[in-house]
Protein backbone atom coordinates (compact mmCIF):
# COMPACT_ATOMS: atom_id res chain seq x y z
CA MET A 1 -6.18 -14.53 16.80
CA GLU A 2 -2.69 -14.80 16.94
CA SER A 3 -0.42 -12.46 14.90
CA GLY A 4 1.39 -14.30 12.88
CA SER A 5 -1.54 -15.13 11.04
CA LEU A 6 -2.79 -12.41 10.35
CA PHE A 7 0.56 -10.52 8.77
CA SER A 8 1.49 -13.81 6.84
CA LEU A 9 1.35 -11.82 3.63
CA ASP A 10 4.27 -10.31 2.33
CA LEU A 11 3.22 -6.75 2.95
CA ALA A 12 6.65 -5.48 0.94
CA HIS A 13 4.57 -6.54 -2.03
CA LEU A 14 1.12 -5.16 -1.49
CA GLY A 15 -0.66 -3.95 -3.61
CA LEU A 16 1.29 -3.09 -7.20
CA HIS A 17 -2.31 -4.12 -8.14
CA GLY A 18 -2.80 -2.32 -11.81
CA HIS A 19 0.62 -0.44 -11.11
CA VAL A 20 -0.97 1.91 -8.23
CA ASP A 21 1.16 0.83 -4.66
CA MET A 22 -1.64 0.24 -2.07
CA ARG A 23 0.13 1.02 0.74
CA PRO A 24 0.77 4.43 1.60
CA THR A 25 -3.20 4.93 1.76
CA LEU A 26 -3.55 1.58 3.52
CA LEU A 27 -1.79 2.92 5.98
CA ARG A 28 -3.53 6.54 5.65
CA VAL A 29 -6.60 4.79 6.55
CA LEU A 30 -6.04 2.36 9.04
CA THR A 31 -4.14 5.40 10.82
CA ASP A 32 -7.74 7.61 10.36
CA LEU A 33 -9.15 4.59 11.67
CA TYR A 34 -6.48 4.39 14.21
CA VAL A 35 -6.85 7.69 16.23
CA GLN A 36 -10.58 7.75 16.09
CA LYS A 37 -10.27 5.66 19.47
CA LEU A 38 -9.21 7.66 22.33
CA THR A 39 -7.56 4.19 23.83
CA HIS A 40 -6.22 0.95 22.53
CA THR A 41 -5.27 -2.39 24.76
CA PRO A 42 -1.55 -3.37 24.42
CA ASP A 43 -2.78 -5.55 21.73
CA GLU A 44 -4.47 -2.95 19.12
CA GLU A 45 -1.23 -1.34 19.62
CA ARG A 46 1.10 -3.79 19.07
CA HIS A 47 -0.97 -4.71 16.21
CA TYR A 48 -0.74 -1.59 14.73
CA THR A 49 2.64 -0.98 15.70
CA GLU A 50 3.97 -4.34 13.47
CA LEU A 51 1.79 -3.15 10.54
CA ALA A 52 2.83 0.78 10.48
CA LEU A 53 6.58 0.24 11.39
CA ARG A 54 6.59 -2.47 7.84
CA LEU A 55 4.38 -0.12 5.65
CA LEU A 56 6.16 3.08 6.75
CA ASP A 57 9.64 1.53 5.58
CA GLY A 58 8.16 1.07 2.21
CA VAL A 59 5.51 4.78 1.36
CA ASP A 60 6.62 7.92 0.59
CA VAL A 61 7.51 11.07 2.24
CA PRO A 62 4.10 12.60 2.13
CA THR A 63 1.94 9.83 3.21
CA ARG A 64 4.86 9.93 6.18
CA ALA A 65 4.12 12.71 6.55
CA THR A 66 0.20 13.10 7.09
CA VAL A 67 0.44 9.96 9.02
CA ALA A 68 2.76 11.86 11.37
CA ALA A 69 0.57 14.62 11.82
CA ARG A 70 -2.34 12.44 12.71
CA LEU A 71 -1.15 10.99 15.55
CA ALA A 72 0.96 13.82 16.72
CA HIS A 73 -2.82 15.26 17.86
CA HIS A 74 -3.21 11.94 19.11
CA LEU A 75 -3.11 11.51 23.10
CA SER A 76 -1.82 8.13 23.17
CA PRO A 77 -0.04 7.71 19.65
CA PRO A 78 2.16 4.62 19.59
CA VAL A 79 6.01 4.98 21.45
CA ARG A 80 7.57 3.00 18.35
CA VAL A 81 5.32 4.57 15.70
CA ILE A 82 6.19 8.27 16.54
CA GLN A 83 9.99 6.86 17.87
CA ARG A 84 10.24 6.01 14.09
CA LEU A 85 8.38 9.18 12.50
CA ALA A 86 10.84 11.61 14.82
CA ALA A 87 13.73 9.88 13.38
CA ASP A 88 12.39 10.94 9.59
CA LEU A 89 13.15 13.63 7.68
CA PRO A 90 12.29 17.52 8.73
CA ASP A 91 9.03 17.53 7.22
CA VAL A 92 7.79 14.19 8.64
CA ALA A 93 9.25 14.27 12.43
CA ALA A 94 8.18 18.48 12.99
CA PRO A 95 4.40 17.16 14.43
CA VAL A 96 5.63 14.42 16.65
CA ARG A 97 8.70 15.68 17.78
CA ALA A 98 6.53 18.28 20.57
CA HIS A 99 4.65 15.18 21.41
CA PRO A 100 4.66 14.87 25.82
CA LEU A 101 5.37 11.17 25.00
CA LEU A 102 9.02 12.12 23.67
CA GLN A 103 9.22 14.76 25.98
CA GLY A 104 12.35 14.04 28.46
CA ASN A 105 13.57 10.90 26.44
CA ILE A 106 11.90 9.04 28.63
CA GLU A 107 12.54 5.47 27.35
CA ALA A 108 9.53 3.47 25.19
CA GLU A 109 9.67 -0.05 28.04
CA LYS A 110 8.68 2.76 30.66
CA LEU A 111 5.66 4.19 28.28
CA ALA A 112 4.25 1.81 27.05
CA PRO A 113 1.91 0.16 29.79
CA ALA A 114 0.11 3.79 30.76
CA VAL A 115 -0.31 4.51 26.35
CA ALA A 116 -2.15 0.54 26.33
CA MET A 117 -4.12 2.10 29.86
CA PRO A 118 -7.71 0.52 28.45
CA VAL A 119 -10.36 3.03 29.26
CA ALA A 120 -11.29 2.14 33.48
CA GLU A 121 -14.90 0.01 33.65
CA VAL A 122 -15.88 2.38 35.88
CA GLU A 123 -16.03 6.30 36.72
CA ILE A 124 -16.50 8.19 39.68
CA ASP A 125 -19.02 10.70 39.73
CA GLN A 126 -19.02 14.28 41.98
CA GLN A 127 -19.63 12.83 45.38
CA GLY A 128 -16.57 10.02 44.44
CA GLU A 129 -19.51 7.12 43.83
CA GLU A 130 -19.08 5.28 41.64
CA THR A 131 -21.14 5.45 38.06
CA ALA A 132 -21.96 2.58 35.45
CA PRO A 133 -20.13 3.30 32.26
CA ALA A 134 -21.63 4.99 29.68
CA ALA A 135 -22.85 3.04 27.01
CA GLU A 136 -20.66 3.08 23.80
CA ALA A 137 -22.53 4.80 20.59
CA PRO A 138 -22.63 2.99 17.25
CA ILE A 139 -19.28 3.53 15.49
CA THR A 140 -19.41 6.55 13.37
CA ILE A 141 -16.59 7.52 10.66
CA ALA A 142 -15.57 10.32 8.66
CA ALA A 143 -17.52 10.06 5.41
CA ASP A 144 -14.01 10.81 3.58
CA VAL A 145 -11.97 8.26 5.33
CA ALA A 146 -15.02 5.60 4.42
CA SER A 147 -15.22 6.67 1.33
CA GLU A 148 -10.63 6.64 0.70
CA LEU A 149 -11.04 2.83 1.90
CA ASN A 150 -13.98 2.04 0.09
CA GLU A 151 -11.72 2.75 -2.69
CA LEU A 152 -9.08 0.72 -1.88
CA PHE A 153 -11.11 -1.99 -1.14
CA PHE A 154 -12.37 -2.56 -4.41
CA ALA A 155 -9.27 -1.75 -6.29
CA ALA A 156 -7.29 -4.11 -4.17
CA ASN A 157 -6.73 -8.03 -5.02
CA ALA A 158 -8.09 -10.80 -3.41
CA ASN A 159 -4.92 -10.97 -0.65
CA GLU A 160 -4.94 -7.39 -0.69
CA ARG A 161 -9.04 -7.68 0.80
CA ARG A 162 -7.99 -10.22 3.25
CA LEU A 163 -5.13 -8.25 4.47
CA ILE A 164 -7.95 -5.04 5.05
CA LEU A 165 -10.79 -7.09 5.95
CA LEU A 166 -8.25 -8.75 8.82
CA ASN A 167 -6.48 -5.79 9.72
CA LEU A 168 -10.19 -3.52 10.51
CA GLU A 169 -10.45 -5.63 13.95
CA ILE A 170 -6.58 -5.02 14.83
CA VAL A 171 -6.30 -2.30 14.37
CA ALA A 172 -10.07 -0.39 15.42
CA PRO A 173 -11.67 -3.31 17.12
CA THR A 174 -15.19 -3.13 17.94
CA PRO A 175 -17.95 -4.96 20.34
CA ALA A 176 -20.16 -7.05 18.39
CA GLY A 177 -23.22 -5.07 17.77
CA ARG A 178 -22.47 -1.20 17.35
CA VAL A 179 -23.56 -1.44 13.96
CA GLU A 180 -26.73 -0.59 13.59
CA PHE A 181 -29.07 -2.50 10.29
CA ALA A 182 -31.07 -4.75 10.39
CA ARG A 183 -30.51 -8.15 12.03
CA ASP A 184 -33.21 -10.56 11.19
CA ALA A 185 -32.78 -14.31 9.33
CA ALA A 186 -35.64 -13.24 6.97
CA VAL A 187 -32.99 -10.98 4.98
CA GLY A 188 -30.70 -13.78 4.46
CA ARG A 189 -34.24 -15.80 2.41
CA ARG A 190 -34.96 -12.40 0.77
CA LEU A 191 -31.18 -12.79 -0.57
CA GLU A 192 -30.65 -15.83 -1.13
CA ALA A 193 -34.15 -16.06 -3.32
CA ALA A 194 -33.16 -12.83 -5.73
CA ALA A 195 -29.23 -14.28 -6.42
CA LEU A 196 -30.85 -17.68 -6.86
CA ALA A 197 -33.42 -15.75 -10.05
CA ARG A 198 -30.20 -14.61 -11.27
CA ASN A 199 -31.67 -11.22 -10.17
CA ARG A 200 -28.75 -9.03 -9.09
CA GLU A 201 -31.08 -6.19 -8.88
CA ASP A 202 -33.77 -7.23 -6.53
CA PHE A 203 -30.70 -8.76 -4.66
CA ALA A 204 -29.21 -4.64 -4.16
CA GLN A 205 -32.12 -3.63 -3.15
CA HIS A 206 -33.26 -6.26 -0.35
CA LEU A 207 -29.10 -5.81 0.65
CA ALA A 208 -29.28 -1.82 0.63
CA GLN A 209 -32.65 -1.90 3.06
CA ALA A 210 -31.17 -4.64 5.30
CA LEU A 211 -27.29 -2.94 5.69
CA GLN A 212 -28.48 0.41 5.14
CA ILE A 213 -26.48 1.42 3.06
CA PRO A 214 -26.44 3.22 -0.86
CA ARG A 215 -28.48 1.31 -3.46
CA ALA A 216 -24.96 2.14 -5.65
CA GLN A 217 -22.97 0.80 -2.97
CA ALA A 218 -25.25 -2.31 -3.01
CA ARG A 219 -25.50 -2.60 -6.96
CA ARG A 220 -21.64 -2.42 -6.23
CA ILE A 221 -21.76 -5.63 -3.66
CA ALA A 222 -23.72 -7.61 -5.74
CA GLY A 223 -21.40 -6.88 -8.93
CA ASP A 224 -18.23 -7.42 -7.94
CA ASP A 225 -16.16 -9.82 -9.64
CA LEU A 226 -14.38 -11.63 -6.69
CA GLY A 227 -16.62 -11.83 -3.78
CA GLU A 228 -15.54 -10.78 -0.78
CA PRO A 229 -17.78 -7.65 -0.62
CA VAL A 230 -20.79 -10.47 -0.71
CA VAL A 231 -18.90 -12.17 1.79
CA THR A 232 -18.46 -9.62 4.43
CA ALA A 233 -22.37 -8.48 4.10
CA ALA A 234 -23.33 -11.98 4.89
CA LYS A 235 -21.01 -12.04 8.08
CA ALA A 236 -22.27 -9.03 9.18
CA LEU A 237 -26.05 -10.33 8.51
CA ASN A 238 -24.91 -13.90 10.34
CA MET A 239 -25.99 -16.19 7.19
CA SER A 240 -25.49 -19.58 7.54
CA ARG A 241 -22.08 -20.75 5.83
CA ASP A 242 -24.67 -22.56 3.38
CA VAL A 243 -26.91 -19.61 2.25
CA VAL A 244 -23.47 -17.87 1.58
CA TYR A 245 -22.34 -20.70 -0.42
CA ARG A 246 -25.32 -20.91 -2.53
CA ILE A 247 -25.61 -17.06 -3.42
CA LEU A 248 -21.75 -17.28 -4.14
CA LEU A 249 -22.95 -19.63 -6.89
CA PHE A 250 -25.85 -17.50 -8.59
CA ILE A 251 -24.63 -14.23 -7.75
CA ASN A 252 -21.90 -13.97 -9.98
CA ALA A 253 -21.17 -16.15 -12.83
CA THR A 254 -17.81 -14.84 -13.04
CA ILE A 255 -17.74 -16.38 -8.89
CA GLY A 256 -19.95 -19.22 -9.91
CA HIS A 257 -18.02 -20.82 -12.77
CA SER A 258 -14.67 -20.74 -10.11
CA VAL A 259 -15.46 -23.31 -8.16
CA GLU A 260 -11.88 -22.95 -6.31
CA ARG A 261 -12.21 -19.45 -5.70
CA VAL A 262 -16.14 -20.58 -4.24
CA HIS A 263 -14.13 -22.66 -1.25
CA ALA A 264 -11.53 -19.63 -0.81
CA LEU A 265 -14.51 -17.33 -0.39
CA ALA A 266 -16.16 -19.38 1.89
CA ALA A 267 -12.89 -20.11 4.18
CA LEU A 268 -12.66 -16.23 4.69
CA TYR A 269 -15.92 -15.99 5.47
CA ASP A 270 -15.23 -18.58 8.69
CA GLU A 271 -12.20 -16.93 9.33
CA MET A 272 -13.51 -13.10 9.64
CA PRO A 273 -14.56 -12.01 12.70
CA PRO A 274 -17.99 -10.47 13.10
CA GLN A 275 -16.42 -6.43 14.52
CA ALA A 276 -14.33 -6.64 10.96
CA ALA A 277 -17.95 -7.27 8.55
CA GLU A 278 -19.58 -4.65 10.91
CA HIS A 279 -17.08 -2.46 10.47
CA MET A 280 -16.70 -2.82 6.62
CA VAL A 281 -20.78 -1.78 7.28
CA ALA A 282 -20.18 1.15 9.42
CA ILE A 283 -18.00 1.93 6.71
CA TRP A 284 -20.78 1.28 3.82
CA GLN A 285 -22.94 3.61 5.67
CA ALA A 286 -21.39 6.43 6.43
CA LEU A 287 -21.17 6.53 2.31
CA HIS A 288 -24.66 8.24 2.58
CA LYS A 289 -22.81 11.09 4.76
CA LYS A 290 -21.01 11.71 1.42
CA GLU A 291 -23.74 11.27 -0.97
CA ARG A 292 -25.44 14.15 1.04
CA ALA A 293 -23.02 16.30 0.54
CA ALA A 294 -22.18 15.59 -2.70
CA ALA A 295 -25.64 16.10 -3.96
CA PRO A 296 -26.66 19.04 -5.81
CA HIS A 297 -29.69 21.39 -4.85
CA ARG A 298 -33.35 20.04 -6.41
CA PRO A 299 -36.65 20.81 -5.10
CA LEU A 300 -38.89 19.05 -2.85
CA LEU A 301 -40.93 17.95 -5.93
CA TRP A 302 -39.98 16.44 -9.07
CA ASN A 303 -41.38 19.53 -11.18
CA ASP A 304 -41.63 22.17 -8.57
CA GLU A 305 -39.37 24.62 -11.12
CA ALA A 306 -42.40 23.72 -14.38
CA ARG A 307 -45.34 24.53 -11.61
CA ALA A 308 -43.66 27.62 -10.86
CA ARG A 309 -42.57 28.52 -14.35
CA ALA A 310 -46.69 27.69 -14.98
CA ARG A 311 -48.04 29.81 -12.34
CA THR A 312 -46.01 32.57 -13.90
CA ALA A 313 -47.41 32.43 -17.28
CA THR A 314 -51.04 32.11 -16.39
CA ALA A 315 -50.65 35.37 -13.79
CA THR A 316 -49.11 37.17 -17.22
CA VAL A 317 -52.27 36.22 -19.13
CA ARG A 318 -55.00 37.27 -16.50
CA ARG A 319 -53.33 39.99 -15.70
CA ALA A 320 -53.19 41.16 -19.74
CA PRO A 321 -56.54 41.25 -19.99
CA ALA A 322 -57.72 43.16 -16.88
CA ALA A 323 -55.10 45.55 -18.65
CA GLN A 324 -56.82 45.30 -21.59
CA ARG A 325 -60.97 46.27 -20.15
CA SER A 326 -58.87 49.11 -18.44
CA SER A 327 -57.56 50.84 -21.25
CA GLU A 328 -61.81 50.06 -23.34
CA ARG A 329 -63.19 51.81 -20.56
CA ARG A 330 -60.82 55.05 -20.73
CA ASP A 331 -61.90 54.48 -24.88
CA VAL A 332 -65.46 54.89 -24.60
CA SER A 333 -65.26 57.47 -21.64
């Protein structure tokens, strides 16, 4: 996919959606996703550099400082980006000025090939023999990063959502199949049946089970009035375009009553890379970690506390007659 098609949106006018500028959050989250990989291909680095440089021109000092701090700890950050940050205000420049890539005034052109060096296809063990590369682990995303990007995505308008979805694959591309969830053709049939019956709760239940995401998040996807979350889930599940079209017509009346909107979402379904959809699913799955961290302690059984109180009361009642009988014996004697 060519860069021109991905950056055709005017980032200078991105997001004052509801009087909230979306650019700072977009830059922070995409940077978080970028630094989670140790190495990037030349295309990946070029795309992130282009996006980051354009966003840096329109974000505030705290955002630029945050990005600088995160890139400062990366072994191979984009040279042009850290050069831009190193020339910024002292609070922004301080973290990156000491980075090895900027030491000795080495020209960026000489650094670029080394920075973009991909991971070797084979490794050499201690005996000097070649070994096969280790299998890649499933995508893992920090809960706070996932929550921030999820909120950004749902707060965005249609154009902004398209930009986010496409840039997920640019900034943090992943091989297909790296996200763990049910890839069963029957899932599509169950989701379609629930949508045709206009049973949104049933739809959310099947979606949560299939994608292994929180039920509340599945309800949010099903109830979204713009439709991109449903399209993203359908793309990840590899549902047929016809099924997706019918789901869009029936799952939400706001979407289904606009033929133009349904056509636009179908076009997005065709355009979206499967890996981008899977990455968004990985973000949704990471919300489980945030839920567990925020959940208060509860007894194993719902009435454990009531049972404990009942046992205490019973023990008290049983001790009382025994004490009374002991007192009666003393009186008789």
